[in-house]
Protein backbone atom coordinates (compact mmCIF):
# COMPACT_ATOMS: atom_id res chain seq x y z
CA MET A 1 -22.14 -9.77 19.90
CA GLU A 2 -23.83 -9.42 23.30
CA THR A 3 -21.51 -11.74 25.24
CA THR A 4 -19.54 -10.18 28.06
CA PHE A 5 -16.13 -11.61 28.89
CA SER A 6 -14.12 -11.13 32.03
CA SER A 7 -10.99 -10.49 29.97
CA GLY A 8 -9.97 -10.15 26.35
CA LEU A 9 -6.91 -9.57 24.17
CA VAL A 10 -6.71 -7.17 21.21
CA TRP A 11 -4.26 -8.33 18.56
CA LEU A 12 -2.94 -5.44 16.48
CA ARG A 13 -1.83 -6.20 12.92
CA ARG A 14 -2.28 -3.55 10.21
CA ASP A 15 -4.14 -1.15 12.53
CA LEU A 16 -1.45 0.58 14.59
CA ARG A 17 -3.51 3.26 16.31
CA VAL A 18 -5.81 3.64 19.31
CA ALA A 19 -8.49 6.06 18.06
CA ASP A 20 -11.45 4.85 15.98
CA HIS A 21 -10.33 1.22 16.15
CA ALA A 22 -12.98 -1.43 15.55
CA ALA A 23 -11.44 -4.39 17.36
CA LEU A 24 -10.30 -2.32 20.34
CA TYR A 25 -13.75 -0.75 20.65
CA HIS A 26 -15.54 -4.11 20.64
CA ALA A 27 -13.08 -5.61 23.11
CA LEU A 28 -13.42 -2.70 25.52
CA LYS A 29 -17.20 -2.78 25.22
CA HIS A 30 -17.55 -6.51 25.84
CA CYS A 31 -14.72 -7.28 28.26
CA GLN A 32 -14.14 -6.21 31.83
CA ARG A 33 -10.37 -6.22 31.31
CA VAL A 34 -8.57 -5.74 28.01
CA HIS A 35 -4.95 -6.29 27.06
CA VAL A 36 -3.45 -5.11 23.75
CA ALA A 37 -0.63 -6.91 21.95
CA PHE A 38 1.45 -6.81 18.79
CA VAL A 39 3.68 -9.56 17.43
CA PHE A 40 6.76 -8.90 15.33
CA ASP A 41 5.92 -11.93 13.23
CA THR A 42 9.06 -13.74 12.12
CA ALA A 43 7.04 -15.62 9.49
CA ILE A 44 6.91 -12.23 7.74
CA LEU A 45 10.08 -10.55 9.00
CA ASP A 46 12.47 -13.36 8.10
CA LYS A 47 11.79 -12.73 4.39
CA LEU A 48 12.69 -9.03 4.58
CA PRO A 49 16.06 -7.26 4.23
CA ARG A 50 17.60 -6.39 7.58
CA ALA A 51 17.27 -2.67 6.85
CA ASP A 52 13.59 -2.21 6.01
CA ARG A 53 11.83 1.14 6.43
CA ARG A 54 8.51 -0.60 7.00
CA VAL A 55 9.77 -2.42 10.06
CA GLU A 56 11.19 0.82 11.45
CA PHE A 57 7.89 2.60 10.69
CA ILE A 58 6.01 -0.12 12.58
CA ARG A 59 8.42 0.03 15.51
CA GLU A 60 8.17 3.82 15.86
CA SER A 61 4.38 3.69 15.54
CA LEU A 62 4.16 1.04 18.27
CA VAL A 63 6.08 3.29 20.66
CA GLU A 64 3.30 5.83 20.21
CA VAL A 65 0.56 3.20 20.61
CA ASP A 66 2.16 2.10 23.87
CA GLU A 67 2.09 5.64 25.23
CA GLN A 68 -1.44 6.29 23.98
CA LEU A 69 -2.76 3.19 25.73
CA ARG A 70 -1.31 4.40 29.03
CA GLN A 71 -2.85 7.83 28.54
CA LEU A 72 -6.20 6.34 27.56
CA ALA A 73 -6.23 4.03 30.57
CA GLY A 74 -5.09 6.77 32.90
CA HIS A 75 -2.44 4.66 34.65
CA PRO A 76 1.21 3.88 33.80
CA GLN A 77 0.87 0.11 34.23
CA ALA A 78 -1.23 -0.12 31.07
CA GLY A 79 0.44 -0.28 27.71
CA LEU A 80 1.27 -2.48 24.77
CA ILE A 81 2.48 -6.07 25.05
CA VAL A 82 5.02 -6.82 22.31
CA ARG A 83 6.13 -10.30 21.32
CA HIS A 84 8.70 -11.47 18.78
CA GLY A 85 8.23 -14.80 17.02
CA VAL A 86 5.69 -16.64 14.90
CA ALA A 87 2.34 -14.96 15.48
CA GLN A 88 0.27 -18.10 15.09
CA ASP A 89 2.18 -19.52 18.06
CA LYS A 90 2.70 -16.37 20.13
CA ILE A 91 -0.91 -15.15 20.18
CA PRO A 92 -2.52 -18.39 21.45
CA LYS A 93 0.22 -18.77 24.08
CA LEU A 94 -0.20 -15.16 25.21
CA ALA A 95 -3.99 -15.45 25.31
CA HIS A 96 -3.71 -18.61 27.42
CA HIS A 97 -1.11 -17.01 29.71
CA LEU A 98 -3.34 -13.96 30.26
CA GLN A 99 -6.35 -16.23 30.83
CA VAL A 100 -8.54 -14.30 28.39
CA GLN A 101 -11.76 -15.72 26.99
CA ALA A 102 -11.62 -13.93 23.64
CA VAL A 103 -9.14 -12.43 21.18
CA PHE A 104 -10.21 -9.46 19.07
CA ALA A 105 -8.61 -8.46 15.76
CA ASN A 106 -9.43 -6.67 12.53
CA HIS A 107 -9.81 -8.39 9.18
CA ASP A 108 -6.87 -8.95 6.88
CA ASP A 109 -7.85 -10.55 3.57
CA GLU A 110 -4.36 -11.13 2.22
CA PRO A 111 -3.84 -14.84 1.43
CA ASP A 112 -1.07 -15.49 3.97
CA ALA A 113 -2.96 -13.58 6.65
CA LEU A 114 -6.12 -15.63 6.12
CA ALA A 115 -4.14 -18.86 6.39
CA ARG A 116 -2.46 -17.59 9.57
CA ASP A 117 -5.78 -16.62 11.12
CA ILE A 118 -7.24 -20.06 10.46
CA GLN A 119 -4.33 -21.57 12.37
CA VAL A 120 -4.66 -19.06 15.21
CA ARG A 121 -8.40 -19.65 15.49
CA GLY A 122 -7.80 -23.38 15.80
CA HIS A 123 -5.06 -23.03 18.42
CA LEU A 124 -7.22 -20.63 20.46
CA ALA A 125 -10.16 -23.01 20.27
CA ASP A 126 -7.95 -25.73 21.80
CA HIS A 127 -7.81 -23.52 24.91
CA GLY A 128 -11.52 -22.63 24.80
CA ILE A 129 -10.79 -19.09 23.55
CA VAL A 130 -12.78 -17.48 20.74
CA LEU A 131 -11.45 -15.21 18.00
CA HIS A 132 -13.63 -12.27 16.91
CA THR A 133 -12.60 -10.23 13.86
CA TYR A 134 -14.02 -6.99 12.44
CA LYS A 135 -13.96 -4.76 9.39
CA ASP A 136 -11.63 -1.83 9.94
CA HIS A 137 -9.23 -1.39 7.00
CA VAL A 138 -11.84 -0.38 4.41
CA ILE A 139 -15.29 1.20 4.31
CA PHE A 140 -16.98 -1.68 2.45
CA GLU A 141 -15.51 -5.17 2.12
CA ARG A 142 -16.11 -8.66 0.86
CA HIS A 143 -19.79 -8.94 -0.16
CA GLU A 144 -21.03 -5.56 1.05
CA VAL A 145 -21.18 -3.95 -2.42
CA LEU A 146 -22.62 -6.26 -5.08
CA THR A 147 -24.23 -5.95 -8.48
CA GLN A 148 -28.00 -5.97 -8.85
CA VAL A 149 -27.86 -9.73 -9.41
CA GLY A 150 -25.79 -10.27 -6.26
CA LYS A 151 -22.38 -10.77 -7.90
CA PRO A 152 -19.06 -9.09 -7.03
CA PHE A 153 -18.08 -6.17 -9.23
CA ALA A 154 -15.29 -6.73 -11.74
CA VAL A 155 -15.14 -3.17 -13.15
CA PHE A 156 -14.38 -0.13 -11.04
CA THR A 157 -16.79 2.56 -12.28
CA PRO A 158 -20.02 0.64 -11.62
CA TYR A 159 -18.53 -0.45 -8.27
CA LYS A 160 -17.82 3.17 -7.41
CA ASN A 161 -21.36 4.22 -8.34
CA ALA A 162 -22.82 1.48 -6.16
CA TRP A 163 -20.41 2.40 -3.32
CA LEU A 164 -21.51 6.04 -3.41
CA LYS A 165 -25.16 5.03 -3.51
CA LYS A 166 -24.72 2.76 -0.48
CA ILE A 167 -22.68 5.08 1.75
CA THR A 168 -24.36 6.59 4.83
CA PRO A 169 -23.07 8.70 7.73
CA PHE A 170 -23.13 5.56 9.89
CA ASP A 171 -20.56 3.87 7.63
CA LEU A 172 -18.18 6.77 8.24
CA LYS A 173 -18.79 7.10 11.97
CA ALA A 174 -15.81 6.70 14.29
CA TYR A 175 -15.73 3.99 16.95
CA PRO A 176 -15.85 5.78 20.36
CA VAL A 177 -13.01 3.86 21.96
CA GLU A 178 -12.69 6.40 24.77
CA LYS A 179 -16.17 5.52 26.07
CA TYR A 180 -14.93 2.23 27.54
CA ALA A 181 -11.30 3.10 28.19
CA GLN A 182 -11.60 2.18 31.86
CA HIS A 183 -11.55 -1.48 30.82
CA LEU A 184 -7.91 -1.33 29.71
CA ALA A 185 -6.01 -3.63 32.05
CA PRO A 186 -2.55 -3.17 33.57
CA ARG A 187 0.09 -5.43 32.07
CA PRO A 188 1.46 -8.27 34.20
CA ASP A 189 4.92 -7.41 35.48
CA ASN A 190 6.58 -10.06 33.32
CA LEU A 191 5.01 -8.56 30.16
CA ALA A 192 5.58 -4.88 30.90
CA GLN A 193 8.71 -4.42 28.79
CA PRO A 194 9.12 -1.42 26.48
CA VAL A 195 8.75 -1.76 22.73
CA PRO A 196 11.95 -3.53 21.59
CA ALA A 197 14.58 -1.63 19.64
CA LEU A 198 15.19 -2.62 16.02
CA GLN A 199 18.43 -4.35 17.01
CA ASP A 200 16.50 -6.51 19.48
CA ILE A 201 14.49 -8.01 16.62
CA ASP A 202 17.53 -8.34 14.33
CA PHE A 203 16.88 -5.28 12.17
CA GLU A 204 18.91 -2.17 11.39
CA SER A 205 18.03 1.52 11.28
CA THR A 206 17.18 2.99 7.88
CA ASN A 207 16.95 6.47 6.41
CA LEU A 208 13.33 6.78 7.58
CA LYS A 209 14.06 9.75 9.83
CA ALA A 210 16.30 11.44 7.27
CA LEU A 211 13.43 11.21 4.78
CA LYS A 212 11.23 12.90 7.41
CA ILE A 213 8.48 10.30 7.06
CA PRO A 214 6.19 10.92 10.05
CA THR A 215 5.20 7.80 11.96
CA GLY A 216 2.35 6.78 14.21
CA GLU A 217 -1.11 8.23 14.62
CA SER A 218 0.29 11.71 15.25
CA GLY A 219 2.24 11.54 11.99
CA GLY A 220 -0.87 10.50 10.07
CA GLN A 221 -2.90 13.31 11.58
CA ALA A 222 -0.23 15.87 10.74
CA LEU A 223 -0.17 14.76 7.11
CA LEU A 224 -3.95 14.80 6.93
CA ALA A 225 -4.17 18.31 8.38
CA ASP A 226 -1.69 19.53 5.77
CA PHE A 227 -3.48 17.77 2.92
CA LEU A 228 -6.86 19.20 3.85
CA THR A 229 -5.45 22.65 3.11
CA ARG A 230 -4.69 21.40 -0.45
CA ILE A 231 -7.45 18.89 -1.11
CA ASP A 232 -9.54 21.22 -3.29
CA GLN A 233 -6.64 21.38 -5.77
CA TYR A 234 -6.02 17.62 -5.73
CA GLU A 235 -7.56 16.99 -9.15
CA ASP A 236 -5.24 19.57 -10.73
CA THR A 237 -2.04 18.61 -8.93
CA ARG A 238 -2.12 14.85 -8.34
CA ASN A 239 -0.46 13.79 -11.61
CA PHE A 240 2.66 15.97 -11.39
CA PRO A 241 5.49 14.35 -9.40
CA ALA A 242 7.38 17.63 -8.92
CA VAL A 243 4.32 19.23 -7.29
CA LYS A 244 3.09 18.73 -3.72
CA GLY A 245 -0.20 17.19 -4.77
CA PRO A 246 -0.72 13.80 -3.05
CA SER A 247 -1.81 13.30 0.53
CA TYR A 248 1.28 11.14 1.28
CA LEU A 249 -0.95 9.08 3.57
CA SER A 250 -0.56 5.76 1.76
CA VAL A 251 1.89 4.26 4.25
CA HIS A 252 -0.40 5.33 7.10
CA LEU A 253 -3.35 3.65 5.42
CA ARG A 254 -1.25 0.53 4.90
CA PHE A 255 -0.38 0.21 8.57
CA GLY A 256 -3.59 1.67 9.97
CA THR A 257 -2.00 4.60 11.75
CA VAL A 258 -4.89 6.62 10.34
CA SER A 259 -8.54 5.55 10.12
CA ILE A 260 -10.01 5.05 6.66
CA ARG A 261 -13.35 6.19 8.10
CA GLN A 262 -11.87 9.55 9.04
CA LEU A 263 -10.34 10.03 5.61
CA ALA A 264 -13.48 9.04 3.72
CA ARG A 265 -15.60 11.18 6.03
CA GLU A 266 -13.45 14.25 5.36
CA ALA A 267 -13.46 13.63 1.59
CA HIS A 268 -17.19 12.88 1.38
CA ALA A 269 -18.14 15.98 3.35
CA ARG A 270 -16.11 18.22 1.06
CA MET A 271 -17.35 16.47 -2.06
CA THR A 272 -20.96 17.11 -1.09
CA VAL A 273 -20.30 20.86 -1.00
CA GLY A 274 -18.70 20.89 -4.40
CA SER A 275 -15.00 20.16 -3.99
CA ALA A 276 -13.84 18.46 -7.20
CA GLY A 277 -10.50 17.65 -5.58
CA ALA A 278 -12.18 15.90 -2.68
CA ALA A 279 -14.35 13.92 -5.10
CA VAL A 280 -11.28 12.64 -6.96
CA TRP A 281 -9.49 11.78 -3.72
CA LEU A 282 -12.55 9.92 -2.44
CA SER A 283 -12.49 7.98 -5.71
CA GLU A 284 -8.91 6.94 -4.91
CA LEU A 285 -10.06 5.68 -1.50
CA ILE A 286 -12.84 3.73 -3.21
CA TRP A 287 -10.22 2.12 -5.45
CA ARG A 288 -8.71 0.67 -2.24
CA ASP A 289 -12.03 -0.88 -1.27
CA PHE A 290 -12.47 -2.17 -4.81
CA TYR A 291 -9.14 -3.97 -4.93
CA VAL A 292 -9.65 -5.47 -1.45
CA GLN A 293 -13.00 -6.95 -2.49
CA VAL A 294 -11.45 -8.23 -5.75
CA LEU A 295 -8.85 -10.11 -3.72
CA HIS A 296 -11.57 -11.61 -1.52
CA ASN A 297 -14.06 -12.49 -4.23
CA PHE A 298 -11.76 -13.60 -7.04
CA GLY A 299 -9.41 -16.02 -5.32
CA HIS A 300 -7.33 -16.80 -8.40
CA VAL A 301 -5.64 -13.36 -8.24
CA GLY A 302 -4.36 -14.32 -4.80
CA ARG A 303 -2.64 -17.30 -6.42
CA GLY A 304 -0.61 -15.14 -8.80
CA GLU A 305 -2.95 -15.57 -11.77
CA SER A 306 -4.24 -12.88 -14.10
CA PHE A 307 -7.74 -11.62 -13.33
CA LYS A 308 -8.53 -12.25 -17.00
CA PRO A 309 -7.27 -15.83 -17.50
CA GLU A 310 -6.62 -15.41 -21.22
CA TYR A 311 -3.76 -13.04 -20.38
CA ASP A 312 -1.83 -15.90 -18.82
CA THR A 313 -1.28 -17.27 -22.33
CA ILE A 314 0.98 -14.33 -23.22
CA GLN A 315 4.59 -15.27 -23.89
CA TRP A 316 6.83 -12.86 -21.99
CA GLU A 317 10.51 -12.25 -22.59
CA HIS A 318 12.63 -14.86 -20.87
CA GLY A 319 16.18 -16.02 -20.36
CA THR A 320 19.33 -13.97 -19.91
CA HIS A 321 18.06 -11.12 -22.10
CA ALA A 322 14.92 -10.69 -20.01
CA HIS A 323 16.93 -10.60 -16.79
CA LYS A 324 19.27 -7.95 -18.23
CA LEU A 325 16.29 -5.79 -19.19
CA PHE A 326 14.72 -6.28 -15.78
CA ASP A 327 17.95 -5.43 -13.97
CA ALA A 328 18.25 -2.22 -15.99
CA TRP A 329 14.70 -1.30 -14.98
CA CYS A 330 15.33 -2.07 -11.31
CA GLU A 331 18.61 -0.17 -11.28
CA ALA A 332 17.28 2.88 -13.18
CA ARG A 333 19.42 2.28 -16.27
CA THR A 334 16.71 2.27 -18.94
CA GLY A 335 17.86 5.45 -20.71
CA TYR A 336 14.41 6.99 -20.32
CA PRO A 337 14.84 9.80 -17.76
CA LEU A 338 11.34 9.80 -16.27
CA VAL A 339 11.42 6.02 -15.80
CA ASP A 340 14.89 6.16 -14.27
CA ALA A 341 13.98 9.08 -12.01
CA ALA A 342 10.95 7.21 -10.74
CA MET A 343 12.92 4.05 -10.04
CA ARG A 344 15.59 6.04 -8.22
CA GLN A 345 12.89 7.66 -6.11
CA LEU A 346 11.63 4.21 -5.17
CA ASN A 347 15.06 2.76 -4.47
CA GLN A 348 16.20 5.73 -2.39
CA THR A 349 13.00 6.52 -0.47
CA GLY A 350 10.58 3.59 -0.69
CA TYR A 351 8.00 5.92 -2.23
CA MET A 352 6.87 6.42 -5.79
CA HIS A 353 4.36 8.94 -7.08
CA ASN A 354 1.19 7.24 -8.32
CA ARG A 355 1.41 8.57 -11.88
CA LEU A 356 4.96 7.27 -12.06
CA ARG A 357 3.88 3.83 -10.81
CA MET A 358 1.72 3.59 -13.91
CA VAL A 359 4.50 4.85 -16.17
CA VAL A 360 7.20 2.46 -14.94
CA ALA A 361 4.80 -0.49 -14.83
CA SER A 362 3.67 0.12 -18.40
CA PHE A 363 7.31 0.46 -19.45
CA LEU A 364 8.33 -2.83 -17.84
CA VAL A 365 5.42 -4.80 -19.27
CA LYS A 366 4.76 -3.16 -22.62
CA ASP A 367 8.13 -1.70 -23.60
CA LEU A 368 10.37 -4.42 -22.22
CA GLY A 369 7.94 -7.35 -22.49
CA ILE A 370 8.59 -8.50 -18.91
CA ASP A 371 5.97 -10.47 -16.95
CA TRP A 372 4.07 -8.06 -14.69
CA ARG A 373 4.61 -10.41 -11.75
CA TRP A 374 8.32 -9.52 -11.73
CA GLY A 375 7.47 -5.86 -11.20
CA GLU A 376 4.79 -6.70 -8.67
CA LYS A 377 7.35 -8.59 -6.58
CA TYR A 378 9.92 -5.79 -6.85
CA PHE A 379 7.40 -3.22 -5.65
CA ALA A 380 6.38 -5.54 -2.81
CA THR A 381 9.97 -5.56 -1.60
CA HIS A 382 10.67 -1.83 -1.95
CA LEU A 383 7.46 0.14 -1.36
CA ASN A 384 6.96 1.57 2.11
CA ASP A 385 3.21 1.46 1.50
CA PHE A 386 3.13 -2.02 -0.05
CA ASP A 387 -0.41 -3.33 0.12
CA TRP A 388 -1.06 -6.71 -1.50
CA SER A 389 -4.44 -5.98 -3.09
CA ALA A 390 -3.59 -2.49 -4.38
CA ASN A 391 -0.17 -3.57 -5.67
CA ASN A 392 -1.61 -6.55 -7.52
CA GLY A 393 -4.48 -4.48 -8.85
CA GLY A 394 -2.15 -1.76 -10.09
CA TRP A 395 0.18 -4.15 -11.87
CA GLN A 396 -2.69 -6.02 -13.49
CA TRP A 397 -4.15 -2.68 -14.58
CA ALA A 398 -0.83 -1.80 -16.21
CA SER A 399 -0.67 -5.13 -18.01
CA SER A 400 -4.36 -4.92 -19.04
CA SER A 401 -4.92 -8.31 -17.42
CA GLY A 402 -6.95 -6.99 -14.50
CA CYS A 403 -10.22 -5.24 -13.69
CA ASP A 404 -10.11 -2.67 -16.42
CA ALA A 405 -12.44 -1.80 -19.26
CA GLN A 406 -9.53 -0.47 -21.34
CA PRO A 407 -8.02 -2.92 -23.87
CA TYR A 408 -4.46 -4.15 -24.11
CA PHE A 409 -3.39 -1.54 -26.68
CA ARG A 410 -3.19 1.17 -24.02
CA ILE A 411 0.58 1.63 -23.98
CA PHE A 412 2.10 4.64 -22.23
CA ASN A 413 4.70 6.55 -24.21
CA PRO A 414 7.44 7.31 -21.64
CA ILE A 415 8.57 10.41 -23.53
CA SER A 416 5.14 12.03 -23.89
CA GLN A 417 4.33 11.11 -20.28
CA SER A 418 7.52 12.90 -19.26
CA GLU A 419 6.72 15.98 -21.34
CA LYS A 420 3.15 16.12 -20.01
CA PHE A 421 3.64 15.44 -16.32
CA ASP A 422 7.17 16.79 -15.70
CA PRO A 423 7.14 19.59 -18.30
CA GLU A 424 9.88 21.64 -16.65
CA GLY A 425 11.98 18.60 -15.82
CA LYS A 426 12.08 19.40 -12.10
CA PHE A 427 11.47 15.82 -11.01
CA ILE A 428 13.96 14.38 -13.48
CA ARG A 429 16.65 16.85 -12.43
CA ARG A 430 16.13 15.94 -8.78
CA TYR A 431 16.71 12.22 -9.27
CA VAL A 432 18.86 12.17 -12.42
CA PRO A 433 21.29 15.00 -11.65
CA GLU A 434 23.72 13.96 -14.39
CA LEU A 435 21.20 15.43 -16.86
CA THR A 436 20.69 18.68 -14.94
CA GLN A 437 22.44 20.95 -17.44
CA LEU A 438 20.50 19.74 -20.46
CA PRO A 439 17.91 22.15 -21.90
CA THR A 440 14.44 21.17 -20.71
CA ALA A 441 13.29 20.35 -24.23
CA ALA A 442 16.09 17.78 -24.52
CA LEU A 443 15.68 16.38 -21.01
CA HIS A 444 12.84 13.96 -21.81
CA ALA A 445 14.74 12.10 -24.57
CA PRO A 446 18.42 13.05 -24.19
CA TRP A 447 19.63 10.69 -26.93
CA LEU A 448 17.81 12.99 -29.38
CA ALA A 449 19.55 16.11 -28.09
CA LYS A 450 21.83 18.08 -30.36
CA PRO A 451 25.53 17.22 -30.06
CA LEU A 452 26.38 20.72 -28.81
CA GLU A 453 23.64 20.49 -26.14
CA LEU A 454 25.09 17.19 -24.92
CA GLN A 455 28.63 18.54 -24.97
CA THR A 456 27.69 21.69 -23.06
CA ALA A 457 25.80 19.64 -20.46
CA GLU A 458 28.72 17.19 -20.19
CA VAL A 459 26.43 14.30 -21.06
CA VAL A 460 27.79 11.36 -23.02
CA ILE A 461 25.03 8.95 -23.98
CA GLY A 462 26.13 5.42 -23.18
CA LYS A 463 28.73 6.62 -20.65
CA THR A 464 27.50 9.31 -18.26
CA TYR A 465 23.88 8.33 -18.94
CA PRO A 466 22.60 5.12 -20.59
CA ALA A 467 21.38 4.91 -24.13
CA PRO A 468 17.74 3.72 -24.36
CA ILE A 469 17.58 -0.04 -23.82
CA VAL A 470 14.63 -0.27 -26.18
CA ASP A 471 13.06 1.81 -28.94
CA HIS A 472 9.55 2.69 -27.81
CA ALA A 473 7.97 2.61 -31.28
CA GLU A 474 9.46 -0.78 -32.03
CA ALA A 475 8.51 -2.07 -28.59
CA ARG A 476 4.93 -0.94 -29.09
CA GLU A 477 4.60 -2.97 -32.29
CA LYS A 478 6.15 -5.98 -30.58
CA THR A 479 3.71 -5.66 -27.68
CA LEU A 480 0.71 -5.50 -29.99
CA ALA A 481 1.95 -8.70 -31.61
CA ARG A 482 2.63 -10.28 -28.20
CA TYR A 483 -0.91 -9.50 -27.05
CA ALA A 484 -2.47 -10.80 -30.29
CA VAL A 485 -3.06 -14.14 -28.57
CA VAL A 486 -5.50 -12.35 -26.26
CA LYS A 487 -7.27 -10.73 -29.21
CA LYS A 488 -7.69 -14.13 -30.88
CA LYS A 489 -9.22 -15.65 -27.76
CA ALA A 490 -11.63 -12.72 -27.41
CA ALA A 491 -12.76 -13.01 -31.04
């Protein structure tokens, strides 16, 4: 784009930072005056509980963006314009009020976001204003990584190989926003209000601060700096929930308080000098790209359908019994300690370790026979780092209905997973304290503990801790029978 505009508006969405920001860079480069805005979109917010950590995370991160814009511009009149209402109405009205010629934003390929952007583009066009959007949330998107015959990838490993073959230093280069910072415009007096408090947008404070979840760009950078001291051990530590192995950056990636280019650049540089941990972490970042392009290129997954259509013929549990099983899963009453510990972690903190996401998803789908979409929706409500494409991809992976070369008979054993990945029971004891006094060997399947062990630990199965709601061996056989319809269609 070579056009130069007298004024432009940057619309922040899932990119709540100032540094290395594609839309902000292009706006500053091509406009003489640039305003920056965020909308607390009631089309999204009205569906959320009034105490939602994600909204508080956004609010705290915006306070930092507001201050960073003033520092970048070098004058106190600059800063963030914050609106509250329906974004597809607020943005065109704001753009018209500010008399800008162009609005700049970064891509969002989630179905509702695409529909919103179509509406916004049309409303802006009614005022003679153009909408320019850019890639910022991933390294490669949409049709940038294709098979040799020009088709989107449907399996991760060949996608990853093509991604690594395509990557260049330019793809990982930061946008030099500071170079054109002088184009940041002061806010009009009637738009120079501070970022609203949670109560001003009808939300309540959460336990975000008590959980010590760092917010904003500074929080993302602090987590990254800490992780880079541990990244070489990532391959060895990432699967153990009681160990400080993950980067804990997922919520920052979700809301764009950290740049994916910076993360991939750090990982790629370390991988090229032999860090196995960095190579595995880079692979996790590539999974993000993969699921985003799946959502874009295979539209039926965005409509709630299985990636592999034949899996939509499976008959899931239904009726009152299914809802009782699902409620027990949601409320951490399954009788399987690792599953219950993981669900308590989610319910109490909004976070769940990645290994445990696989364990609890497999348990819901293949032990309880519940439609994966129920779990997908529950995670969407409770995860701080909820990301549509990754959440859908993960749940379809667990149900074997998605982009996965592994067949349907991969069924996690919740007991062996517990013994392997929480061998000392540290994670279970943290979130299921009523089992704390059990010997470690009995902790993973307490209903099999010796009567004296249970008595000494003051554990009464069915009273102080639930009995298993399903027998895993029996459930496995039932799942294989349930999935037989898929096998018949594949034959």
